[in-house]
Amino acid sequence: MSPLHSHSIFCSIFMSILLQSSTTSSQSHLCRSSCGDIPINYPFAIDDGCGSPYYRHMLICSDNNTKLELRTPSGRYPVKSISYSDPHLLVSDPFMWNCQDRDNFRPTRSFSIDSSTHFTVSHQNDYLFFNCNSEKVIVEPKPLFCERFPDRCDSSCDSSSYLCRHLPECGSALGSRVSCCSYYPKATQSLRLMLQNCATYTSVYWRSTGVGNAPYDQFPEYGIRIDFEFPVTMKCLLCQETTKGGGVCGFDTRTQKFLCLCDQGNVTTYCKDPNFVKHKRIGAVAGTVTAVSAAGAIGVAGGVFWYLRKVRAKAPVTCGVQSNENRVF
């Protein structure tokens, strides 16, 4: 056997062991359960292959696992909180007007959600628009305007809005020269048209305190409420059941089919299923190698290095990189 052929065999063995070591370790512990002080539970995840594929790559955790953001077509937005009992996220938009801006209106951009996802912008949001062009936008007290023009009621921006007169956290932030009106855009396009004719805008969400009778237990807070669908499947419920192993719901990163992530590996049913067959390709979190696997790979690398020093090569070892000496064509 020629030295070049021997080297090729060793390269193949070394690379196959590396690939195997990265796909045979348990994956359940690789699904982070929080980002900062925000819990990350099903259907969400911040590690690929965890949670539901509906929300794959939608949440991003950065800054040493302290900053959670939602990715949308219009940008990335900090997540303030997540509610799983009343399924919604509350996000903030740094480009929106806030109390510190007062009458200094900064350039802004419209917030949008991809309509093909399982997210929807909640109707519990109120949008306030400032200094709108009265020739392009109908700025009128809504009750009176709707009585006079019922067919145009939905297209008016309410200048008598309670929030315009009682801005949260800074009721007197705006001077008399600033106009304010409330309007709920029914589509992203209508929001963009409003911003073309208004100086800026902000969103206020009515948060429930959980004490007292609704709607009298609500108070306004700056932010955008985004509702989400909660996909519940029998497979996921069985996977999470503590008496059946208490696994973590996830999916195969290639096929997006359901996987139950367990301590001993990934299965298609639940962790303590006596008839289960371990999933051959554990692809929950791509590119991860456990400490044991890494140590094994280092050991193999050491063996290959020792062998290469013992055998004097007639051609360079390339491990797949073509050179003039080993070029096939």
Protein backbone atom coordinates (compact mmCIF):
# COMPACT_ATOMS: atom_id res chain seq x y z
CA MET A 1 0.00 0.00 0.00
CA SER A 2 1.40 3.33 -1.03
CA PRO A 3 1.94 6.08 1.58
CA LEU A 4 -0.47 8.36 -0.31
CA HIS A 5 -3.19 5.69 -0.17
CA SER A 6 -2.55 5.13 3.54
CA HIS A 7 -2.82 8.81 4.24
CA SER A 8 -6.13 9.00 2.36
CA ILE A 9 -7.54 6.17 4.45
CA PHE A 10 -6.51 7.86 7.68
CA CYS A 11 -8.04 11.16 6.55
CA SER A 12 -11.33 9.40 5.76
CA ILE A 13 -11.39 7.59 9.11
CA PHE A 14 -10.57 10.78 11.01
CA MET A 15 -13.29 12.82 9.29
CA SER A 16 -15.93 10.09 9.71
CA ILE A 17 -15.21 9.85 13.44
CA LEU A 18 -15.57 13.61 13.78
CA LEU A 19 -18.92 13.52 12.01
CA GLN A 20 -20.12 10.58 14.09
CA SER A 21 -19.06 12.20 17.35
CA SER A 22 -21.08 15.31 16.52
CA THR A 23 -24.29 13.35 15.91
CA THR A 24 -24.36 10.68 18.62
CA SER A 25 -24.51 12.80 21.76
CA SER A 26 -27.67 13.53 23.73
CA GLN A 27 -29.47 16.67 22.57
CA SER A 28 -32.04 17.45 25.27
CA HIS A 29 -29.56 19.35 27.45
CA LEU A 30 -28.63 21.53 24.47
CA CYS A 31 -32.05 23.20 24.42
CA ARG A 32 -31.66 26.32 26.55
CA SER A 33 -34.65 26.99 28.79
CA SER A 34 -34.17 30.73 29.23
CA CYS A 35 -32.61 33.86 27.76
CA GLY A 36 -31.88 36.39 30.45
CA ASP A 37 -34.88 36.27 32.79
CA ILE A 38 -37.33 35.21 30.05
CA PRO A 39 -38.26 31.49 30.12
CA ILE A 40 -38.07 29.69 26.77
CA ASN A 41 -40.66 26.90 26.63
CA TYR A 42 -42.40 24.96 23.87
CA PRO A 43 -43.33 25.97 21.17
CA PHE A 44 -40.37 28.38 21.18
CA ALA A 45 -36.66 27.67 21.17
CA ILE A 46 -33.39 29.51 20.71
CA ASP A 47 -31.43 26.41 19.62
CA ASP A 48 -32.09 24.81 16.26
CA GLY A 49 -34.06 21.56 16.45
CA CYS A 50 -35.73 22.43 19.76
CA GLY A 51 -39.36 23.49 20.13
CA SER A 52 -41.75 23.61 17.17
CA PRO A 53 -40.54 24.03 13.58
CA TYR A 54 -43.30 26.66 13.23
CA TYR A 55 -41.03 29.11 15.08
CA ARG A 56 -37.65 28.00 13.80
CA HIS A 57 -35.08 30.82 13.69
CA MET A 58 -37.67 33.34 14.92
CA LEU A 59 -36.08 34.03 18.33
CA ILE A 60 -32.46 35.05 18.79
CA CYS A 61 -30.59 35.05 22.10
CA SER A 62 -27.41 37.14 22.14
CA ASP A 63 -25.13 39.16 24.44
CA ASN A 64 -24.02 36.16 26.50
CA ASN A 65 -27.50 34.68 26.73
CA THR A 66 -29.04 37.88 28.12
CA LYS A 67 -30.78 39.57 25.17
CA LEU A 68 -33.80 37.98 23.47
CA GLU A 69 -34.97 39.33 20.11
CA LEU A 70 -37.74 38.52 17.63
CA ARG A 71 -36.79 38.41 13.96
CA THR A 72 -39.35 39.85 11.52
CA PRO A 73 -39.19 41.16 7.93
CA SER A 74 -38.82 44.71 9.27
CA GLY A 75 -35.94 43.94 11.64
CA ARG A 76 -35.02 42.48 15.02
CA TYR A 77 -36.93 43.64 18.09
CA PRO A 78 -36.17 43.16 21.81
CA VAL A 79 -38.62 40.80 23.53
CA LYS A 80 -39.84 42.20 26.87
CA SER A 81 -41.85 39.17 27.98
CA ILE A 82 -43.52 35.95 26.84
CA SER A 83 -46.83 34.63 28.19
CA TYR A 84 -47.65 30.97 27.63
CA SER A 85 -50.99 30.93 29.49
CA ASP A 86 -52.31 33.80 27.35
CA PRO A 87 -50.16 33.11 24.27
CA HIS A 88 -48.39 36.31 23.27
CA LEU A 89 -45.08 38.11 23.17
CA LEU A 90 -44.52 41.73 24.11
CA VAL A 91 -41.80 43.40 22.06
CA SER A 92 -40.44 46.93 21.93
CA ASP A 93 -39.51 48.91 18.85
CA PRO A 94 -36.52 51.24 19.43
CA PHE A 95 -37.59 53.29 16.38
CA MET A 96 -40.97 54.19 17.85
CA TRP A 97 -41.61 57.42 19.73
CA ASN A 98 -41.05 57.32 23.49
CA CYS A 99 -41.39 59.77 26.37
CA GLN A 100 -37.75 60.83 26.19
CA ASP A 101 -38.25 62.06 22.63
CA ARG A 102 -40.93 64.58 23.65
CA ASP A 103 -41.50 66.69 20.52
CA ASN A 104 -38.19 65.68 18.90
CA PHE A 105 -39.47 63.22 16.30
CA ARG A 106 -36.84 60.79 15.05
CA PRO A 107 -37.01 58.93 11.71
CA THR A 108 -38.99 55.74 12.14
CA ARG A 109 -39.97 52.62 10.21
CA SER A 110 -43.12 50.51 10.16
CA PHE A 111 -43.28 47.33 12.17
CA SER A 112 -44.40 44.24 10.26
CA ILE A 113 -44.97 40.51 10.76
CA ASP A 114 -44.71 37.90 8.04
CA SER A 115 -48.30 36.82 7.35
CA SER A 116 -47.12 33.29 6.49
CA THR A 117 -45.94 32.68 10.06
CA HIS A 118 -48.04 31.70 13.07
CA PHE A 119 -47.70 35.20 14.57
CA THR A 120 -50.36 37.91 14.43
CA VAL A 121 -50.26 41.50 15.64
CA SER A 122 -52.80 41.71 18.46
CA HIS A 123 -55.91 43.89 18.28
CA GLN A 124 -55.15 44.90 21.87
CA ASN A 125 -52.55 47.32 20.53
CA ASP A 126 -53.40 51.01 20.15
CA TYR A 127 -51.33 53.04 17.69
CA LEU A 128 -50.80 56.74 18.25
CA PHE A 129 -49.74 58.94 15.33
CA PHE A 130 -48.25 62.40 15.75
CA ASN A 131 -48.37 65.52 13.56
CA CYS A 132 -50.23 63.95 10.66
CA ASN A 133 -50.93 65.87 7.46
CA SER A 134 -54.59 66.84 7.78
CA GLU A 135 -54.90 67.03 3.98
CA LYS A 136 -53.97 63.36 3.62
CA VAL A 137 -55.20 61.87 6.92
CA ILE A 138 -58.68 62.25 8.43
CA VAL A 139 -57.91 63.51 11.94
CA GLU A 140 -61.24 63.93 13.71
CA PRO A 141 -62.92 63.10 17.03
CA LYS A 142 -64.13 59.62 16.19
CA PRO A 143 -67.53 59.52 17.95
CA LEU A 144 -68.76 62.67 16.24
CA PHE A 145 -67.17 61.85 12.90
CA CYS A 146 -68.66 58.34 12.87
CA GLU A 147 -72.12 59.71 13.54
CA ARG A 148 -71.84 62.06 10.60
CA PHE A 149 -69.97 59.72 8.22
CA PRO A 150 -70.55 56.10 9.28
CA ASP A 151 -69.18 54.75 6.00
CA ARG A 152 -65.83 56.47 6.63
CA CYS A 153 -65.59 55.75 10.33
CA ASP A 154 -62.87 53.08 10.07
CA SER A 155 -60.62 55.33 7.98
CA SER A 156 -60.47 58.16 10.52
CA CYS A 157 -57.71 58.77 13.06
CA ASP A 158 -59.31 59.55 16.42
CA SER A 159 -58.10 62.87 17.82
CA SER A 160 -60.22 62.42 20.96
CA SER A 161 -58.38 59.25 22.01
CA TYR A 162 -57.96 58.75 25.75
CA LEU A 163 -54.31 57.81 25.23
CA CYS A 164 -53.57 61.04 23.37
CA ARG A 165 -54.81 62.96 26.38
CA HIS A 166 -53.15 60.61 28.91
CA LEU A 167 -49.89 59.39 27.46
CA PRO A 168 -48.52 56.50 29.56
CA GLU A 169 -45.68 57.50 31.88
CA CYS A 170 -45.51 61.06 30.50
CA GLY A 171 -48.91 62.70 30.17
CA SER A 172 -47.49 66.16 29.49
CA ALA A 173 -44.59 65.19 27.22
CA LEU A 174 -46.15 66.71 24.11
CA GLY A 175 -46.69 70.46 23.73
CA SER A 176 -49.73 72.18 22.30
CA ARG A 177 -48.11 72.33 18.85
CA VAL A 178 -48.12 68.54 18.50
CA SER A 179 -51.25 66.79 17.28
CA CYS A 180 -52.06 63.23 18.24
CA CYS A 181 -54.62 60.70 17.02
CA SER A 182 -55.30 56.99 17.46
CA TYR A 183 -55.70 54.60 14.54
CA TYR A 184 -55.44 50.82 14.13
CA PRO A 185 -53.91 49.86 10.76
CA LYS A 186 -55.54 46.76 9.33
CA ALA A 187 -52.51 45.88 7.23
CA THR A 188 -48.82 46.65 6.97
CA GLN A 189 -49.45 48.72 3.87
CA SER A 190 -51.91 51.00 5.67
CA LEU A 191 -49.34 51.53 8.44
CA ARG A 192 -46.74 52.53 5.86
CA LEU A 193 -49.16 54.97 4.26
CA MET A 194 -49.87 56.54 7.66
CA LEU A 195 -46.16 57.01 8.33
CA GLN A 196 -45.74 58.70 4.96
CA ASN A 197 -48.14 61.40 6.17
CA CYS A 198 -47.34 61.51 9.90
CA ALA A 199 -44.17 62.53 11.73
CA THR A 200 -43.90 59.38 13.85
CA TYR A 201 -45.93 56.87 15.81
CA THR A 202 -45.90 54.61 18.86
CA SER A 203 -47.74 51.50 20.04
CA VAL A 204 -49.47 51.04 23.40
CA TYR A 205 -50.55 47.68 24.70
CA TRP A 206 -53.19 47.26 27.40
CA ARG A 207 -51.66 44.94 29.98
CA SER A 208 -53.84 43.06 32.44
CA THR A 209 -52.84 43.15 36.11
CA GLY A 210 -54.68 39.90 36.82
CA VAL A 211 -56.46 41.55 39.76
CA GLY A 212 -60.06 42.74 39.55
CA ASN A 213 -62.63 42.55 36.80
CA ALA A 214 -61.69 43.06 33.15
CA PRO A 215 -61.44 45.50 31.49
CA TYR A 216 -60.94 47.60 34.63
CA ASP A 217 -57.78 45.70 35.62
CA GLN A 218 -55.82 46.90 32.58
CA PHE A 219 -53.22 49.63 32.27
CA PRO A 220 -51.43 51.00 29.20
CA GLU A 221 -47.81 50.15 28.49
CA TYR A 222 -45.56 50.94 25.54
CA GLY A 223 -44.87 47.94 23.35
CA ILE A 224 -46.33 45.69 20.67
CA ARG A 225 -48.32 42.63 21.63
CA ILE A 226 -47.89 39.73 19.19
CA ASP A 227 -50.17 36.74 19.56
CA PHE A 228 -48.97 33.28 18.59
CA GLU A 229 -50.54 29.90 17.91
CA PHE A 230 -49.78 27.12 20.37
CA PRO A 231 -49.43 23.88 18.37
CA VAL A 232 -50.38 21.04 20.71
CA THR A 233 -49.80 17.47 19.51
CA MET A 234 -50.26 14.16 21.29
CA LYS A 235 -46.65 13.25 20.48
CA CYS A 236 -45.34 16.34 22.24
CA LEU A 237 -47.59 15.80 25.28
CA LEU A 238 -46.37 12.21 25.62
CA CYS A 239 -42.77 13.32 25.19
CA GLN A 240 -43.07 15.91 27.97
CA GLU A 241 -44.91 13.58 30.38
CA THR A 242 -42.63 13.02 33.39
CA THR A 243 -43.79 9.42 33.88
CA LYS A 244 -42.74 8.69 30.30
CA GLY A 245 -39.29 10.19 30.65
CA GLY A 246 -39.84 13.96 30.63
CA GLY A 247 -38.29 14.64 27.25
CA VAL A 248 -38.04 17.89 25.30
CA CYS A 249 -40.12 18.40 22.16
CA GLY A 250 -38.05 19.06 19.08
CA PHE A 251 -37.65 18.16 15.43
CA ASP A 252 -35.19 16.83 12.88
CA THR A 253 -33.37 19.77 11.36
CA ARG A 254 -33.40 18.18 7.89
CA THR A 255 -36.95 16.82 7.63
CA GLN A 256 -38.59 18.97 10.37
CA LYS A 257 -40.37 15.82 11.60
CA PHE A 258 -41.11 15.47 15.32
CA LEU A 259 -38.40 14.22 17.67
CA CYS A 260 -38.48 13.70 21.42
CA LEU A 261 -35.11 14.81 22.79
CA CYS A 262 -34.03 12.57 25.67
CA ASP A 263 -30.96 12.16 27.90
CA GLN A 264 -29.92 9.01 26.08
CA GLY A 265 -30.67 10.20 22.55
CA ASN A 266 -33.52 11.28 20.32
CA VAL A 267 -36.60 9.16 19.64
CA THR A 268 -39.76 9.53 17.60
CA THR A 269 -42.14 8.66 20.47
CA TYR A 270 -41.20 9.23 24.13
CA CYS A 271 -38.11 8.60 26.22
CA LYS A 272 -39.32 5.51 28.16
CA ASP A 273 -41.05 3.84 25.24
CA PRO A 274 -39.95 0.16 25.56
CA ASN A 275 -40.34 -0.36 21.83
CA PHE A 276 -38.60 2.75 20.67
CA VAL A 277 -35.86 2.74 18.07
CA LYS A 278 -33.31 5.51 18.51
CA HIS A 279 -33.26 8.00 15.73
CA LYS A 280 -30.18 7.24 13.71
CA ARG A 281 -29.44 10.83 12.83
CA ILE A 282 -29.55 13.05 15.88
CA GLY A 283 -29.76 16.46 14.25
CA ALA A 284 -31.39 18.60 16.90
CA VAL A 285 -28.62 21.10 17.34
CA ALA A 286 -26.30 21.33 14.38
CA GLY A 287 -22.56 21.58 14.88
CA THR A 288 -22.39 20.58 18.55
CA VAL A 289 -19.86 18.16 19.97
CA THR A 290 -19.80 16.97 23.58
CA ALA A 291 -16.65 17.06 25.69
CA VAL A 292 -16.31 13.26 25.48
CA SER A 293 -16.66 13.29 21.70
CA ALA A 294 -14.19 16.12 21.38
CA ALA A 295 -11.71 14.26 23.56
CA GLY A 296 -12.10 11.16 21.40
CA ALA A 297 -11.53 13.20 18.26
CA ILE A 298 -8.38 14.72 19.77
CA GLY A 299 -7.12 11.23 20.61
CA VAL A 300 -7.66 10.04 17.05
CA ALA A 301 -5.96 13.16 15.73
CA GLY A 302 -2.96 12.39 17.94
CA GLY A 303 -2.77 8.86 16.56
CA VAL A 304 -2.91 10.07 13.00
CA PHE A 305 -0.22 12.65 13.69
CA TRP A 306 2.07 9.97 15.22
CA TYR A 307 1.53 7.68 12.21
CA LEU A 308 2.30 10.43 9.73
CA ARG A 309 5.58 11.16 11.50
CA LYS A 310 6.55 7.49 11.35
CA VAL A 311 5.80 7.07 7.64
CA ARG A 312 7.69 9.18 5.16
CA ALA A 313 5.16 10.46 2.64
CA LYS A 314 5.90 10.64 -1.06
CA ALA A 315 3.03 13.06 -1.62
CA PRO A 316 1.50 15.72 0.63
CA VAL A 317 -1.47 14.83 2.87
CA THR A 318 -4.37 16.96 1.69
CA CYS A 319 -7.53 15.48 3.28
CA GLY A 320 -9.62 16.43 0.28
CA VAL A 321 -7.68 19.51 -0.90
CA GLN A 322 -6.41 19.07 -4.45
CA SER A 323 -2.86 19.97 -5.37
CA ASN A 324 -0.71 19.43 -8.47
CA GLU A 325 0.55 16.12 -6.97
CA ASN A 326 -2.86 14.51 -6.25
CA ARG A 327 -5.13 16.16 -8.83
CA VAL A 328 -7.57 13.66 -10.34
CA PHE A 329 -8.52 15.69 -13.43
